[in-house]
Each structure stands twice: as C-alpha cells, then as structure tokens.
Amino acid sequence: MAERSLSDRVILIVQRQWVVSQTLTSAFEAEGARVLRATSADSGRSLIEQFDLACAVLDSGSGDLCRMLKGKGTPFVMYTGREVIEGECAVAPVIKKPAVLQDVVVLVPRLL
C-alpha cells in the first residue's frame, strides 16, 4: 500500500490507452487521491494550467507536459512502454509497461 500522503492529493494521469488510465485511476483512488485523466498532451495541458497538482503520471509523447510540470515544480513519473525517454521527460523516474501498477502508486508519495 502507498503511504497515506496520497489522501486528497490531486494526481494527473495522461495515458492514451483507456484501460491503463482506468486501472491507474482505480489504484490511486483506492489510496485516497483525487485523479484527473487526460488521453493526450493537449488535454493534459489544460488540466496542468487549471489545477494545483501534487504529481503526474505520464505516457510517452509528453514533452510539453514535462516542461510545464518542471516549471511549476510538480513532480512526475513516466509510465511508458518506450525503451528510451528523451528531452524534458528524461529527468523523471521511469516505470516500464507492463509493470505492476502498485509500483507506480508506491513511487508517487516518494516524489512528493
């Protein structure tokens, strides 16, 4: 189980695949987090601008989002199937798909 520090924290999940997004959402909500979901960088961008996020879990193709989150001081983790992460996203911890989703949930409180 993740630490209780996820309780009432706002977590952004940007994943193209609905099933991955839904499974992550359920895991974070079970730990008390409030989850915002986006299926693309474009929709994720507006959520970053509108909400005070505790953390974000991003898929590949999120370079602009990584830059925005870094600028706001918001931690993020890459949950992706890509072998190599480049650019702005390369500074983030990477959890390679397919991984146990609990690994993602446990990592987030460590970033806060």
N, C-alpha and C. Protein backbone atom coordinates (compact mmCIF):
# COMPACT_ATOMS: atom_id res chain seq x y z
N MET A 1 0.82 -1.19 0.00
CA MET A 1 0.00 0.00 0.00
C MET A 1 0.87 1.25 0.00
N ALA A 2 0.36 2.28 -0.64
CA ALA A 2 1.07 3.55 -0.65
C ALA A 2 0.90 4.23 0.70
N GLU A 3 1.77 5.17 0.95
CA GLU A 3 1.65 5.93 2.18
C GLU A 3 0.37 6.76 2.14
N ARG A 4 -0.12 7.12 3.28
CA ARG A 4 -1.35 7.92 3.37
C ARG A 4 -1.20 9.31 2.78
N SER A 5 0.00 9.69 2.40
CA SER A 5 0.22 11.02 1.87
C SER A 5 -0.51 11.26 0.55
N LEU A 6 -1.10 10.25 -0.03
CA LEU A 6 -1.88 10.43 -1.26
C LEU A 6 -3.30 10.91 -0.97
N SER A 7 -3.71 10.84 0.26
CA SER A 7 -5.06 11.23 0.62
C SER A 7 -5.33 12.68 0.24
N ASP A 8 -6.36 12.88 -0.56
CA ASP A 8 -6.81 14.19 -1.04
C ASP A 8 -5.81 14.91 -1.94
N ARG A 9 -4.79 14.23 -2.40
CA ARG A 9 -3.84 14.83 -3.34
C ARG A 9 -4.41 14.69 -4.75
N VAL A 10 -4.14 15.67 -5.60
CA VAL A 10 -4.61 15.65 -6.98
C VAL A 10 -3.50 15.09 -7.86
N ILE A 11 -3.80 13.99 -8.52
CA ILE A 11 -2.85 13.29 -9.40
C ILE A 11 -3.39 13.37 -10.82
N LEU A 12 -2.55 13.79 -11.75
CA LEU A 12 -2.91 13.80 -13.17
C LEU A 12 -2.36 12.54 -13.83
N ILE A 13 -3.21 11.86 -14.56
CA ILE A 13 -2.81 10.69 -15.33
C ILE A 13 -3.03 11.01 -16.81
N VAL A 14 -1.96 10.96 -17.59
CA VAL A 14 -2.05 11.16 -19.03
C VAL A 14 -1.62 9.86 -19.69
N GLN A 15 -2.59 9.11 -20.18
CA GLN A 15 -2.35 7.83 -20.84
C GLN A 15 -3.30 7.73 -22.04
N ARG A 16 -2.77 7.31 -23.17
CA ARG A 16 -3.59 7.17 -24.37
C ARG A 16 -4.55 5.98 -24.28
N GLN A 17 -4.15 4.93 -23.62
CA GLN A 17 -4.98 3.74 -23.54
C GLN A 17 -5.94 3.84 -22.36
N TRP A 18 -7.23 3.74 -22.66
CA TRP A 18 -8.26 3.89 -21.64
C TRP A 18 -8.09 2.88 -20.51
N VAL A 19 -7.82 1.63 -20.83
CA VAL A 19 -7.72 0.59 -19.80
C VAL A 19 -6.57 0.88 -18.84
N VAL A 20 -5.46 1.38 -19.34
CA VAL A 20 -4.33 1.73 -18.48
C VAL A 20 -4.72 2.91 -17.59
N SER A 21 -5.33 3.91 -18.18
CA SER A 21 -5.77 5.08 -17.43
C SER A 21 -6.76 4.71 -16.34
N GLN A 22 -7.72 3.88 -16.67
CA GLN A 22 -8.75 3.48 -15.71
C GLN A 22 -8.16 2.66 -14.56
N THR A 23 -7.24 1.76 -14.88
CA THR A 23 -6.63 0.93 -13.85
C THR A 23 -5.78 1.78 -12.90
N LEU A 24 -5.01 2.71 -13.46
CA LEU A 24 -4.23 3.62 -12.62
C LEU A 24 -5.15 4.47 -11.75
N THR A 25 -6.21 4.97 -12.34
CA THR A 25 -7.17 5.79 -11.60
C THR A 25 -7.72 5.03 -10.41
N SER A 26 -8.14 3.81 -10.63
CA SER A 26 -8.69 2.99 -9.54
C SER A 26 -7.66 2.78 -8.43
N ALA A 27 -6.42 2.53 -8.82
CA ALA A 27 -5.36 2.28 -7.82
C ALA A 27 -5.09 3.53 -6.99
N PHE A 28 -5.03 4.69 -7.63
CA PHE A 28 -4.78 5.93 -6.89
C PHE A 28 -5.98 6.33 -6.04
N GLU A 29 -7.18 6.16 -6.56
CA GLU A 29 -8.38 6.49 -5.79
C GLU A 29 -8.51 5.60 -4.56
N ALA A 30 -8.07 4.35 -4.67
CA ALA A 30 -8.10 3.44 -3.52
C ALA A 30 -7.20 3.94 -2.40
N GLU A 31 -6.21 4.77 -2.74
CA GLU A 31 -5.30 5.34 -1.75
C GLU A 31 -5.74 6.74 -1.31
N GLY A 32 -6.91 7.17 -1.77
CA GLY A 32 -7.47 8.44 -1.33
C GLY A 32 -7.15 9.63 -2.21
N ALA A 33 -6.48 9.41 -3.33
CA ALA A 33 -6.13 10.52 -4.22
C ALA A 33 -7.34 10.93 -5.07
N ARG A 34 -7.32 12.17 -5.48
CA ARG A 34 -8.28 12.69 -6.45
C ARG A 34 -7.56 12.64 -7.80
N VAL A 35 -8.16 11.98 -8.78
CA VAL A 35 -7.48 11.75 -10.05
C VAL A 35 -8.14 12.54 -11.18
N LEU A 36 -7.29 13.19 -11.97
CA LEU A 36 -7.70 13.84 -13.20
C LEU A 36 -7.08 13.04 -14.33
N ARG A 37 -7.86 12.81 -15.40
CA ARG A 37 -7.35 11.99 -16.51
C ARG A 37 -7.38 12.75 -17.82
N ALA A 38 -6.38 12.46 -18.63
CA ALA A 38 -6.31 13.01 -19.97
C ALA A 38 -5.79 11.90 -20.89
N THR A 39 -6.23 11.95 -22.15
CA THR A 39 -5.79 10.94 -23.12
C THR A 39 -4.75 11.48 -24.09
N SER A 40 -4.41 12.76 -23.95
CA SER A 40 -3.42 13.36 -24.85
C SER A 40 -2.70 14.50 -24.14
N ALA A 41 -1.58 14.91 -24.74
CA ALA A 41 -0.84 16.05 -24.19
C ALA A 41 -1.70 17.32 -24.24
N ASP A 42 -2.48 17.48 -25.29
CA ASP A 42 -3.33 18.68 -25.40
C ASP A 42 -4.32 18.78 -24.25
N SER A 43 -5.03 17.69 -23.97
CA SER A 43 -6.00 17.74 -22.87
C SER A 43 -5.30 17.79 -21.52
N GLY A 44 -4.13 17.20 -21.41
CA GLY A 44 -3.36 17.26 -20.17
C GLY A 44 -2.87 18.67 -19.88
N ARG A 45 -2.53 19.40 -20.92
CA ARG A 45 -2.03 20.77 -20.78
C ARG A 45 -3.04 21.65 -20.07
N SER A 46 -4.29 21.56 -20.44
CA SER A 46 -5.31 22.42 -19.81
C SER A 46 -5.52 22.04 -18.35
N LEU A 47 -5.38 20.76 -18.01
CA LEU A 47 -5.53 20.34 -16.62
C LEU A 47 -4.36 20.85 -15.77
N ILE A 48 -3.16 20.86 -16.34
CA ILE A 48 -2.00 21.38 -15.62
C ILE A 48 -2.19 22.87 -15.34
N GLU A 49 -2.77 23.58 -16.29
CA GLU A 49 -2.99 25.01 -16.13
C GLU A 49 -4.10 25.31 -15.12
N GLN A 50 -5.10 24.45 -15.02
CA GLN A 50 -6.28 24.71 -14.19
C GLN A 50 -6.16 24.25 -12.75
N PHE A 51 -5.37 23.22 -12.49
CA PHE A 51 -5.37 22.59 -11.17
C PHE A 51 -4.00 22.64 -10.50
N ASP A 52 -4.03 22.61 -9.18
CA ASP A 52 -2.81 22.52 -8.38
C ASP A 52 -2.53 21.03 -8.17
N LEU A 53 -1.67 20.48 -8.99
CA LEU A 53 -1.39 19.04 -8.97
C LEU A 53 -0.32 18.69 -7.95
N ALA A 54 -0.47 17.53 -7.33
CA ALA A 54 0.56 17.01 -6.45
C ALA A 54 1.62 16.28 -7.27
N CYS A 55 1.18 15.59 -8.33
CA CYS A 55 2.08 14.77 -9.15
C CYS A 55 1.35 14.40 -10.44
N ALA A 56 2.11 13.92 -11.42
CA ALA A 56 1.52 13.45 -12.66
C ALA A 56 2.18 12.13 -13.07
N VAL A 57 1.39 11.29 -13.71
CA VAL A 57 1.87 10.03 -14.28
C VAL A 57 1.64 10.16 -15.78
N LEU A 58 2.74 10.19 -16.54
CA LEU A 58 2.67 10.50 -17.96
C LEU A 58 3.08 9.33 -18.84
N ASP A 59 2.50 9.31 -20.02
CA ASP A 59 2.85 8.37 -21.08
C ASP A 59 3.92 9.04 -21.95
N SER A 60 4.46 8.31 -22.90
CA SER A 60 5.41 8.90 -23.84
C SER A 60 4.68 9.97 -24.67
N GLY A 61 5.43 10.82 -25.30
CA GLY A 61 4.83 11.89 -26.09
C GLY A 61 4.36 13.06 -25.24
N SER A 62 4.95 13.22 -24.07
CA SER A 62 4.51 14.24 -23.13
C SER A 62 5.56 15.32 -22.89
N GLY A 63 6.40 15.59 -23.89
CA GLY A 63 7.49 16.55 -23.72
C GLY A 63 7.04 17.91 -23.22
N ASP A 64 6.00 18.45 -23.83
CA ASP A 64 5.49 19.76 -23.41
C ASP A 64 4.97 19.71 -21.97
N LEU A 65 4.32 18.62 -21.62
CA LEU A 65 3.80 18.49 -20.27
C LEU A 65 4.93 18.40 -19.26
N CYS A 66 5.98 17.68 -19.59
CA CYS A 66 7.14 17.58 -18.69
C CYS A 66 7.72 18.96 -18.44
N ARG A 67 7.84 19.76 -19.48
CA ARG A 67 8.37 21.11 -19.36
C ARG A 67 7.47 21.97 -18.47
N MET A 68 6.16 21.88 -18.67
CA MET A 68 5.21 22.64 -17.85
C MET A 68 5.29 22.24 -16.38
N LEU A 69 5.31 20.93 -16.14
CA LEU A 69 5.35 20.44 -14.77
C LEU A 69 6.65 20.84 -14.08
N LYS A 70 7.77 20.74 -14.78
CA LYS A 70 9.05 21.16 -14.21
C LYS A 70 9.00 22.64 -13.85
N GLY A 71 8.41 23.44 -14.72
CA GLY A 71 8.30 24.87 -14.47
C GLY A 71 7.46 25.20 -13.24
N LYS A 72 6.48 24.36 -12.95
CA LYS A 72 5.63 24.57 -11.78
C LYS A 72 6.18 23.87 -10.53
N GLY A 73 7.24 23.10 -10.70
CA GLY A 73 7.80 22.36 -9.57
C GLY A 73 6.97 21.14 -9.18
N THR A 74 6.21 20.63 -10.12
CA THR A 74 5.36 19.47 -9.88
C THR A 74 6.09 18.20 -10.29
N PRO A 75 6.25 17.24 -9.39
CA PRO A 75 6.94 16.00 -9.76
C PRO A 75 6.09 15.16 -10.72
N PHE A 76 6.78 14.36 -11.51
CA PHE A 76 6.08 13.47 -12.43
C PHE A 76 6.89 12.21 -12.65
N VAL A 77 6.18 11.17 -13.07
CA VAL A 77 6.79 9.89 -13.37
C VAL A 77 6.33 9.47 -14.76
N MET A 78 7.21 8.82 -15.48
CA MET A 78 6.86 8.30 -16.80
C MET A 78 6.45 6.84 -16.65
N TYR A 79 5.25 6.53 -17.12
CA TYR A 79 4.77 5.14 -17.15
C TYR A 79 4.54 4.84 -18.61
N THR A 80 5.51 4.17 -19.23
CA THR A 80 5.54 4.05 -20.68
C THR A 80 6.14 2.73 -21.12
N GLY A 81 5.86 2.37 -22.35
CA GLY A 81 6.45 1.19 -22.95
C GLY A 81 7.72 1.49 -23.71
N ARG A 82 8.07 2.74 -23.83
CA ARG A 82 9.27 3.13 -24.57
C ARG A 82 10.54 2.70 -23.85
N GLU A 83 11.52 2.34 -24.65
CA GLU A 83 12.82 1.94 -24.11
C GLU A 83 13.64 3.14 -23.67
N VAL A 84 13.54 4.24 -24.43
CA VAL A 84 14.36 5.41 -24.18
C VAL A 84 13.45 6.63 -24.01
N ILE A 85 13.70 7.39 -22.97
CA ILE A 85 12.98 8.63 -22.72
C ILE A 85 13.97 9.77 -22.96
N GLU A 86 13.59 10.72 -23.79
CA GLU A 86 14.49 11.81 -24.14
C GLU A 86 13.90 13.16 -23.76
N GLY A 87 14.73 14.18 -23.91
CA GLY A 87 14.29 15.56 -23.73
C GLY A 87 13.90 15.88 -22.30
N GLU A 88 12.89 16.71 -22.16
CA GLU A 88 12.43 17.21 -20.86
C GLU A 88 11.99 16.08 -19.93
N CYS A 89 11.51 14.99 -20.49
CA CYS A 89 10.98 13.89 -19.68
C CYS A 89 12.06 12.97 -19.12
N ALA A 90 13.28 13.10 -19.63
CA ALA A 90 14.36 12.18 -19.24
C ALA A 90 14.75 12.33 -17.77
N VAL A 91 14.38 13.42 -17.12
CA VAL A 91 14.74 13.62 -15.71
C VAL A 91 13.83 12.87 -14.75
N ALA A 92 12.72 12.39 -15.24
CA ALA A 92 11.71 11.74 -14.39
C ALA A 92 12.03 10.27 -14.16
N PRO A 93 11.57 9.74 -13.03
CA PRO A 93 11.65 8.28 -12.85
C PRO A 93 10.80 7.60 -13.93
N VAL A 94 11.24 6.44 -14.37
CA VAL A 94 10.53 5.71 -15.42
C VAL A 94 10.12 4.34 -14.89
N ILE A 95 8.86 4.03 -15.06
CA ILE A 95 8.37 2.68 -14.80
C ILE A 95 7.92 2.14 -16.14
N LYS A 96 8.52 1.04 -16.53
CA LYS A 96 8.29 0.45 -17.85
C LYS A 96 7.04 -0.42 -17.86
N LYS A 97 6.17 -0.17 -18.84
CA LYS A 97 5.00 -1.01 -19.04
C LYS A 97 5.46 -2.33 -19.64
N PRO A 98 4.84 -3.41 -19.37
CA PRO A 98 3.81 -3.56 -18.34
C PRO A 98 4.49 -3.78 -16.99
N ALA A 99 4.08 -3.05 -16.02
CA ALA A 99 4.61 -3.18 -14.66
C ALA A 99 3.43 -3.37 -13.73
N VAL A 100 3.73 -3.79 -12.54
CA VAL A 100 2.68 -3.89 -11.53
C VAL A 100 2.25 -2.46 -11.20
N LEU A 101 0.99 -2.17 -11.36
CA LEU A 101 0.52 -0.80 -11.15
C LEU A 101 0.78 -0.30 -9.75
N GLN A 102 0.84 -1.17 -8.79
CA GLN A 102 1.12 -0.76 -7.43
C GLN A 102 2.52 -0.14 -7.34
N ASP A 103 3.43 -0.54 -8.25
CA ASP A 103 4.76 0.08 -8.27
C ASP A 103 4.66 1.57 -8.57
N VAL A 104 3.72 1.95 -9.43
CA VAL A 104 3.51 3.36 -9.75
C VAL A 104 2.93 4.08 -8.54
N VAL A 105 1.94 3.47 -7.92
CA VAL A 105 1.26 4.09 -6.77
C VAL A 105 2.22 4.27 -5.60
N VAL A 106 3.10 3.32 -5.39
CA VAL A 106 4.06 3.40 -4.28
C VAL A 106 5.12 4.46 -4.56
N LEU A 107 5.49 4.66 -5.81
CA LEU A 107 6.53 5.63 -6.15
C LEU A 107 6.07 7.07 -5.94
N VAL A 108 4.83 7.37 -6.25
CA VAL A 108 4.35 8.76 -6.22
C VAL A 108 4.55 9.44 -4.86
N PRO A 109 4.18 8.84 -3.73
CA PRO A 109 4.40 9.54 -2.46
C PRO A 109 5.87 9.86 -2.19
N ARG A 110 6.76 9.08 -2.74
CA ARG A 110 8.19 9.33 -2.58
C ARG A 110 8.63 10.59 -3.30
N LEU A 111 7.88 10.98 -4.34
CA LEU A 111 8.21 12.18 -5.11
C LEU A 111 7.65 13.45 -4.49
N LEU A 112 6.70 13.30 -3.59
CA LEU A 112 6.02 14.47 -3.01
C LEU A 112 6.86 15.16 -1.95
